[in-house]
Amino acid sequence: MEILELRRVRLYDARSSCLTYLANKGVPDHLLARWAGHTNVKTTEKWYVKPDVEDLRGAATTWDGLHAATEGQA
């Protein structure tokens, strides 16, 4: 990394990024757990797969739609 002048990345972070990327591309949880070497899918979900910003944006849009729909009912 130093020779190529890349920022230093922890192995844990790289692993988490890989699993999150695969999850966001639709790879099923049981395959992600197997890929990571976990016997329990919950371990993979809890510690390695992080929500993507775009996933959060969709949730925010849904919330805005709910707010707009109920705004005139008050």
PDB file of N, CA and C in Angstrom:
ATOM      1  N   MET A   1       0.819  -1.187   0.000  1.00  0.00           N
ATOM      2  CA  MET A   1       0.000   0.000   0.000  1.00  0.00           C
ATOM      3  C   MET A   1       0.870   1.260   0.000  1.00  0.00           C
ATOM      4  N   GLU A   2       1.967   1.205   0.736  1.00  0.00           N
ATOM      5  CA  GLU A   2       2.853   2.366   0.780  1.00  0.00           C
ATOM      6  C   GLU A   2       3.469   2.637  -0.582  1.00  0.00           C
ATOM      7  N   ILE A   3       3.929   1.597  -1.258  1.00  0.00           N
ATOM      8  CA  ILE A   3       4.568   1.755  -2.568  1.00  0.00           C
ATOM      9  C   ILE A   3       3.602   2.364  -3.573  1.00  0.00           C
ATOM     10  N   LEU A   4       2.354   1.934  -3.534  1.00  0.00           N
ATOM     11  CA  LEU A   4       1.344   2.441  -4.463  1.00  0.00           C
ATOM     12  C   LEU A   4       0.652   3.703  -3.962  1.00  0.00           C
ATOM     13  N   GLU A   5       1.081   4.176  -2.792  1.00  0.00           N
ATOM     14  CA  GLU A   5       0.528   5.371  -2.164  1.00  0.00           C
ATOM     15  C   GLU A   5      -0.987   5.268  -1.947  1.00  0.00           C
ATOM     16  N   LEU A   6      -1.417   4.096  -1.501  1.00  0.00           N
ATOM     17  CA  LEU A   6      -2.816   3.875  -1.164  1.00  0.00           C
ATOM     18  C   LEU A   6      -2.993   4.044   0.336  1.00  0.00           C
ATOM     19  N   ARG A   7      -4.159   4.494   0.728  1.00  0.00           N
ATOM     20  CA  ARG A   7      -4.387   4.630   2.160  1.00  0.00           C
ATOM     21  C   ARG A   7      -4.467   3.243   2.792  1.00  0.00           C
ATOM     22  N   ARG A   8      -4.077   3.172   4.014  1.00  0.00           N
ATOM     23  CA  ARG A   8      -4.046   1.899   4.730  1.00  0.00           C
ATOM     24  C   ARG A   8      -5.467   1.479   5.102  1.00  0.00           C
ATOM     25  N   VAL A   9      -5.804   0.240   4.816  1.00  0.00           N
ATOM     26  CA  VAL A   9      -7.130  -0.290   5.104  1.00  0.00           C
ATOM     27  C   VAL A   9      -6.969  -1.530   5.968  1.00  0.00           C
ATOM     28  N   ARG A  10      -7.746  -1.589   7.051  1.00  0.00           N
ATOM     29  CA  ARG A  10      -7.696  -2.773   7.898  1.00  0.00           C
ATOM     30  C   ARG A  10      -8.346  -3.944   7.165  1.00  0.00           C
ATOM     31  N   LEU A  11      -7.853  -5.145   7.401  1.00  0.00           N
ATOM     32  CA  LEU A  11      -8.403  -6.330   6.777  1.00  0.00           C
ATOM     33  C   LEU A  11      -9.890  -6.481   7.128  1.00  0.00           C
ATOM     34  N   TYR A  12     -10.250  -6.193   8.369  1.00  0.00           N
ATOM     35  CA  TYR A  12     -11.657  -6.264   8.792  1.00  0.00           C
ATOM     36  C   TYR A  12     -12.531  -5.367   7.917  1.00  0.00           C
ATOM     37  N   ASP A  13     -12.073  -4.132   7.658  1.00  0.00           N
ATOM     38  CA  ASP A  13     -12.845  -3.194   6.856  1.00  0.00           C
ATOM     39  C   ASP A  13     -12.991  -3.666   5.416  1.00  0.00           C
ATOM     40  N   ALA A  14     -11.931  -4.231   4.870  1.00  0.00           N
ATOM     41  CA  ALA A  14     -11.984  -4.753   3.510  1.00  0.00           C
ATOM     42  C   ALA A  14     -12.966  -5.921   3.432  1.00  0.00           C
ATOM     43  N   ARG A  15     -12.934  -6.782   4.417  1.00  0.00           N
ATOM     44  CA  ARG A  15     -13.845  -7.926   4.462  1.00  0.00           C
ATOM     45  C   ARG A  15     -15.290  -7.451   4.581  1.00  0.00           C
ATOM     46  N   SER A  16     -15.532  -6.487   5.439  1.00  0.00           N
ATOM     47  CA  SER A  16     -16.867  -5.934   5.616  1.00  0.00           C
ATOM     48  C   SER A  16     -17.357  -5.287   4.319  1.00  0.00           C
ATOM     49  N   SER A  17     -16.490  -4.546   3.655  1.00  0.00           N
ATOM     50  CA  SER A  17     -16.859  -3.904   2.390  1.00  0.00           C
ATOM     51  C   SER A  17     -17.219  -4.942   1.335  1.00  0.00           C
ATOM     52  N   CYS A  18     -16.452  -6.003   1.264  1.00  0.00           N
ATOM     53  CA  CYS A  18     -16.709  -7.075   0.303  1.00  0.00           C
ATOM     54  C   CYS A  18     -18.069  -7.718   0.562  1.00  0.00           C
ATOM     55  N   LEU A  19     -18.332  -8.066   1.806  1.00  0.00           N
ATOM     56  CA  LEU A  19     -19.598  -8.719   2.145  1.00  0.00           C
ATOM     57  C   LEU A  19     -20.788  -7.779   1.950  1.00  0.00           C
ATOM     58  N   THR A  20     -20.621  -6.508   2.274  1.00  0.00           N
ATOM     59  CA  THR A  20     -21.681  -5.530   2.061  1.00  0.00           C
ATOM     60  C   THR A  20     -21.964  -5.371   0.571  1.00  0.00           C
ATOM     61  N   TYR A  21     -20.915  -5.289  -0.231  1.00  0.00           N
ATOM     62  CA  TYR A  21     -21.072  -5.171  -1.684  1.00  0.00           C
ATOM     63  C   TYR A  21     -21.853  -6.366  -2.228  1.00  0.00           C
ATOM     64  N   LEU A  22     -21.461  -7.569  -1.831  1.00  0.00           N
ATOM     65  CA  LEU A  22     -22.143  -8.771  -2.302  1.00  0.00           C
ATOM     66  C   LEU A  22     -23.605  -8.794  -1.853  1.00  0.00           C
ATOM     67  N   ALA A  23     -23.858  -8.381  -0.611  1.00  0.00           N
ATOM     68  CA  ALA A  23     -25.235  -8.339  -0.105  1.00  0.00           C
ATOM     69  C   ALA A  23     -26.078  -7.358  -0.915  1.00  0.00           C
ATOM     70  N   ASN A  24     -25.516  -6.184  -1.214  1.00  0.00           N
ATOM     71  CA  ASN A  24     -26.237  -5.176  -1.991  1.00  0.00           C
ATOM     72  C   ASN A  24     -26.480  -5.616  -3.431  1.00  0.00           C
ATOM     73  N   LYS A  25     -25.701  -6.559  -3.907  1.00  0.00           N
ATOM     74  CA  LYS A  25     -25.891  -7.102  -5.261  1.00  0.00           C
ATOM     75  C   LYS A  25     -26.818  -8.310  -5.256  1.00  0.00           C
ATOM     76  N   GLY A  26     -27.392  -8.631  -4.085  1.00  0.00           N
ATOM     77  CA  GLY A  26     -28.400  -9.670  -4.023  1.00  0.00           C
ATOM     78  C   GLY A  26     -27.923 -11.062  -3.644  1.00  0.00           C
ATOM     79  N   VAL A  27     -26.671 -11.206  -3.212  1.00  0.00           N
ATOM     80  CA  VAL A  27     -26.196 -12.516  -2.781  1.00  0.00           C
ATOM     81  C   VAL A  27     -26.916 -12.882  -1.484  1.00  0.00           C
ATOM     82  N   PRO A  28     -27.540 -14.059  -1.426  1.00  0.00           N
ATOM     83  CA  PRO A  28     -28.299 -14.455  -0.227  1.00  0.00           C
ATOM     84  C   PRO A  28     -27.421 -14.547   1.022  1.00  0.00           C
ATOM     85  N   ASP A  29     -28.045 -14.277   2.166  1.00  0.00           N
ATOM     86  CA  ASP A  29     -27.337 -14.257   3.446  1.00  0.00           C
ATOM     87  C   ASP A  29     -26.597 -15.557   3.748  1.00  0.00           C
ATOM     88  N   HIS A  30     -27.215 -16.692   3.449  1.00  0.00           N
ATOM     89  CA  HIS A  30     -26.562 -17.967   3.777  1.00  0.00           C
ATOM     90  C   HIS A  30     -25.288 -18.169   2.965  1.00  0.00           C
ATOM     91  N   LEU A  31     -25.253 -17.621   1.740  1.00  0.00           N
ATOM     92  CA  LEU A  31     -24.024 -17.714   0.942  1.00  0.00           C
ATOM     93  C   LEU A  31     -22.956 -16.747   1.450  1.00  0.00           C
ATOM     94  N   LEU A  32     -23.385 -15.567   1.909  1.00  0.00           N
ATOM     95  CA  LEU A  32     -22.437 -14.616   2.493  1.00  0.00           C
ATOM     96  C   LEU A  32     -21.772 -15.219   3.732  1.00  0.00           C
ATOM     97  N   ALA A  33     -22.582 -15.864   4.568  1.00  0.00           N
ATOM     98  CA  ALA A  33     -22.034 -16.493   5.778  1.00  0.00           C
ATOM     99  C   ALA A  33     -21.032 -17.579   5.406  1.00  0.00           C
ATOM    100  N   ARG A  34     -21.366 -18.365   4.415  1.00  0.00           N
ATOM    101  CA  ARG A  34     -20.460 -19.435   3.984  1.00  0.00           C
ATOM    102  C   ARG A  34     -19.161 -18.845   3.437  1.00  0.00           C
ATOM    103  N   TRP A  35     -19.273 -17.795   2.633  1.00  0.00           N
ATOM    104  CA  TRP A  35     -18.113 -17.102   2.051  1.00  0.00           C
ATOM    105  C   TRP A  35     -17.201 -16.590   3.171  1.00  0.00           C
ATOM    106  N   ALA A  36     -17.815 -16.067   4.239  1.00  0.00           N
ATOM    107  CA  ALA A  36     -17.053 -15.501   5.356  1.00  0.00           C
ATOM    108  C   ALA A  36     -16.528 -16.570   6.313  1.00  0.00           C
ATOM    109  N   GLY A  37     -17.006 -17.799   6.155  1.00  0.00           N
ATOM    110  CA  GLY A  37     -16.571 -18.859   7.047  1.00  0.00           C
ATOM    111  C   GLY A  37     -17.329 -18.898   8.351  1.00  0.00           C
ATOM    112  N   HIS A  38     -18.515 -18.286   8.369  1.00  0.00           N
ATOM    113  CA  HIS A  38     -19.335 -18.268   9.571  1.00  0.00           C
ATOM    114  C   HIS A  38     -20.324 -19.430   9.559  1.00  0.00           C
ATOM    115  N   THR A  39     -20.572 -20.007  10.716  1.00  0.00           N
ATOM    116  CA  THR A  39     -21.574 -21.071  10.818  1.00  0.00           C
ATOM    117  C   THR A  39     -22.945 -20.495  11.133  1.00  0.00           C
ATOM    118  N   ASN A  40     -22.991 -19.234  11.549  1.00  0.00           N
ATOM    119  CA  ASN A  40     -24.247 -18.593  11.901  1.00  0.00           C
ATOM    120  C   ASN A  40     -24.436 -17.347  11.038  1.00  0.00           C
ATOM    121  N   VAL A  41     -25.527 -17.311  10.287  1.00  0.00           N
ATOM    122  CA  VAL A  41     -25.818 -16.175   9.401  1.00  0.00           C
ATOM    123  C   VAL A  41     -25.920 -14.872  10.189  1.00  0.00           C
ATOM    124  N   LYS A  42     -26.420 -14.934  11.412  1.00  0.00           N
ATOM    125  CA  LYS A  42     -26.595 -13.729  12.240  1.00  0.00           C
ATOM    126  C   LYS A  42     -25.261 -13.033  12.507  1.00  0.00           C
ATOM    127  N   THR A  43     -24.188 -13.807  12.628  1.00  0.00           N
ATOM    128  CA  THR A  43     -22.855 -13.217  12.836  1.00  0.00           C
ATOM    129  C   THR A  43     -22.482 -12.351  11.642  1.00  0.00           C
ATOM    130  N   THR A  44     -22.713 -12.873  10.458  1.00  0.00           N
ATOM    131  CA  THR A  44     -22.387 -12.131   9.237  1.00  0.00           C
ATOM    132  C   THR A  44     -23.225 -10.864   9.157  1.00  0.00           C
ATOM    133  N   GLU A  45     -24.510 -10.986   9.397  1.00  0.00           N
ATOM    134  CA  GLU A  45     -25.405  -9.829   9.318  1.00  0.00           C
ATOM    135  C   GLU A  45     -25.060  -8.758  10.347  1.00  0.00           C
ATOM    136  N   LYS A  46     -24.762  -9.190  11.565  1.00  0.00           N
ATOM    137  CA  LYS A  46     -24.523  -8.234  12.656  1.00  0.00           C
ATOM    138  C   LYS A  46     -23.195  -7.502  12.527  1.00  0.00           C
ATOM    139  N   TRP A  47     -22.137  -8.221  12.177  1.00  0.00           N
ATOM    140  CA  TRP A  47     -20.802  -7.633  12.236  1.00  0.00           C
ATOM    141  C   TRP A  47     -20.206  -7.221  10.896  1.00  0.00           C
ATOM    142  N   TYR A  48     -20.709  -7.745   9.797  1.00  0.00           N
ATOM    143  CA  TYR A  48     -20.020  -7.499   8.530  1.00  0.00           C
ATOM    144  C   TYR A  48     -20.831  -6.770   7.476  1.00  0.00           C
ATOM    145  N   VAL A  49     -22.130  -6.990   7.393  1.00  0.00           N
ATOM    146  CA  VAL A  49     -22.933  -6.360   6.352  1.00  0.00           C
ATOM    147  C   VAL A  49     -23.504  -5.051   6.884  1.00  0.00           C
ATOM    148  N   LYS A  50     -23.082  -3.954   6.284  1.00  0.00           N
ATOM    149  CA  LYS A  50     -23.511  -2.618   6.703  1.00  0.00           C
ATOM    150  C   LYS A  50     -24.459  -2.047   5.656  1.00  0.00           C
ATOM    151  N   PRO A  51     -25.467  -1.275   6.071  1.00  0.00           N
ATOM    152  CA  PRO A  51     -26.375  -0.688   5.087  1.00  0.00           C
ATOM    153  C   PRO A  51     -25.627   0.261   4.155  1.00  0.00           C
ATOM    154  N   ASP A  52     -25.989   0.228   2.927  1.00  0.00           N
ATOM    155  CA  ASP A  52     -25.417   1.107   1.912  1.00  0.00           C
ATOM    156  C   ASP A  52     -26.135   2.461   1.980  1.00  0.00           C
ATOM    157  N   VAL A  53     -25.455   3.531   1.618  1.00  0.00           N
ATOM    158  CA  VAL A  53     -26.058   4.869   1.635  1.00  0.00           C
ATOM    159  C   VAL A  53     -27.308   4.887   0.763  1.00  0.00           C
ATOM    160  N   GLU A  54     -27.259   4.213  -0.367  1.00  0.00           N
ATOM    161  CA  GLU A  54     -28.422   4.187  -1.255  1.00  0.00           C
ATOM    162  C   GLU A  54     -29.603   3.459  -0.607  1.00  0.00           C
ATOM    163  N   ASP A  55     -29.333   2.427   0.186  1.00  0.00           N
ATOM    164  CA  ASP A  55     -30.404   1.751   0.923  1.00  0.00           C
ATOM    165  C   ASP A  55     -31.065   2.724   1.893  1.00  0.00           C
ATOM    166  N   LEU A  56     -30.262   3.505   2.566  1.00  0.00           N
ATOM    167  CA  LEU A  56     -30.788   4.477   3.524  1.00  0.00           C
ATOM    168  C   LEU A  56     -31.578   5.576   2.814  1.00  0.00           C
ATOM    169  N   ARG A  57     -31.133   5.941   1.622  1.00  0.00           N
ATOM    170  CA  ARG A  57     -31.833   6.979   0.859  1.00  0.00           C
ATOM    171  C   ARG A  57     -33.248   6.507   0.496  1.00  0.00           C
ATOM    172  N   GLY A  58     -33.380   5.246   0.125  1.00  0.00           N
ATOM    173  CA  GLY A  58     -34.699   4.692  -0.189  1.00  0.00           C
ATOM    174  C   GLY A  58     -35.620   4.718   1.014  1.00  0.00           C
ATOM    175  N   ALA A  59     -35.074   4.401   2.176  1.00  0.00           N
ATOM    176  CA  ALA A  59     -35.874   4.444   3.401  1.00  0.00           C
ATOM    177  C   ALA A  59     -36.317   5.880   3.696  1.00  0.00           C
ATOM    178  N   ALA A  60     -35.438   6.841   3.473  1.00  0.00           N
ATOM    179  CA  ALA A  60     -35.779   8.249   3.714  1.00  0.00           C
ATOM    180  C   ALA A  60     -36.870   8.712   2.750  1.00  0.00           C
ATOM    181  N   THR A  61     -36.795   8.280   1.504  1.00  0.00           N
ATOM    182  CA  THR A  61     -37.812   8.640   0.518  1.00  0.00           C
ATOM    183  C   THR A  61     -39.168   8.073   0.925  1.00  0.00           C
ATOM    184  N   THR A  62     -39.166   6.835   1.381  1.00  0.00           N
ATOM    185  CA  THR A  62     -40.412   6.211   1.849  1.00  0.00           C
ATOM    186  C   THR A  62     -40.986   6.991   3.013  1.00  0.00           C
ATOM    187  N   TRP A  63     -40.125   7.379   3.948  1.00  0.00           N
ATOM    188  CA  TRP A  63     -40.574   8.142   5.108  1.00  0.00           C
ATOM    189  C   TRP A  63     -41.157   9.491   4.672  1.00  0.00           C
ATOM    190  N   ASP A  64     -40.501  10.176   3.717  1.00  0.00           N
ATOM    191  CA  ASP A  64     -41.010  11.450   3.219  1.00  0.00           C
ATOM    192  C   ASP A  64     -42.392  11.274   2.603  1.00  0.00           C
ATOM    193  N   GLY A  65     -42.596  10.169   1.871  1.00  0.00           N
ATOM    194  CA  GLY A  65     -43.897   9.904   1.266  1.00  0.00           C
ATOM    195  C   GLY A  65     -44.977   9.711   2.318  1.00  0.00           C
ATOM    196  N   LEU A  66     -44.650   9.019   3.383  1.00  0.00           N
ATOM    197  CA  LEU A  66     -45.597   8.800   4.484  1.00  0.00           C
ATOM    198  C   LEU A  66     -45.940  10.135   5.131  1.00  0.00           C
ATOM    199  N   HIS A  67     -44.928  10.956   5.369  1.00  0.00           N
ATOM    200  CA  HIS A  67     -45.132  12.260   6.000  1.00  0.00           C
ATOM    201  C   HIS A  67     -46.034  13.136   5.134  1.00  0.00           C
ATOM    202  N   ALA A  68     -45.795  13.143   3.838  1.00  0.00           N
ATOM    203  CA  ALA A  68     -46.592  13.963   2.920  1.00  0.00           C
ATOM    204  C   ALA A  68     -48.029  13.475   2.876  1.00  0.00           C
ATOM    205  N   ALA A  69     -48.225  12.144   2.921  1.00  0.00           N
ATOM    206  CA  ALA A  69     -49.578  11.572   2.855  1.00  0.00           C
ATOM    207  C   ALA A  69     -50.392  11.895   4.098  1.00  0.00           C
ATOM    208  N   THR A  70     -49.746  12.000   5.240  1.00  0.00           N
ATOM    209  CA  THR A  70     -50.469  12.246   6.497  1.00  0.00           C
ATOM    210  C   THR A  70     -50.519  13.721   6.864  1.00  0.00           C
ATOM    211  N   GLU A  71     -49.793  14.544   6.130  1.00  0.00           N
ATOM    212  CA  GLU A  71     -49.707  15.973   6.467  1.00  0.00           C
ATOM    213  C   GLU A  71     -51.072  16.656   6.391  1.00  0.00           C
ATOM    214  N   GLY A  72     -51.883  16.351   5.403  1.00  0.00           N
ATOM    215  CA  GLY A  72     -53.185  16.992   5.254  1.00  0.00           C
ATOM    216  C   GLY A  72     -54.246  16.453   6.190  1.00  0.00           C
ATOM    217  N   GLN A  73     -53.950  15.400   6.916  1.00  0.00           N
ATOM    218  CA  GLN A  73     -54.934  14.789   7.809  1.00  0.00           C
ATOM    219  C   GLN A  73     -54.953  15.411   9.198  1.00  0.00           C
ATOM    220  N   ALA A  74     -54.006  16.265   9.496  1.00  0.00           N
ATOM    221  CA  ALA A  74     -53.900  16.815  10.852  1.00  0.00           C
ATOM    222  C   ALA A  74     -54.936  17.850  11.143  1.00  0.00           C
TER     223      ALA A  74
END
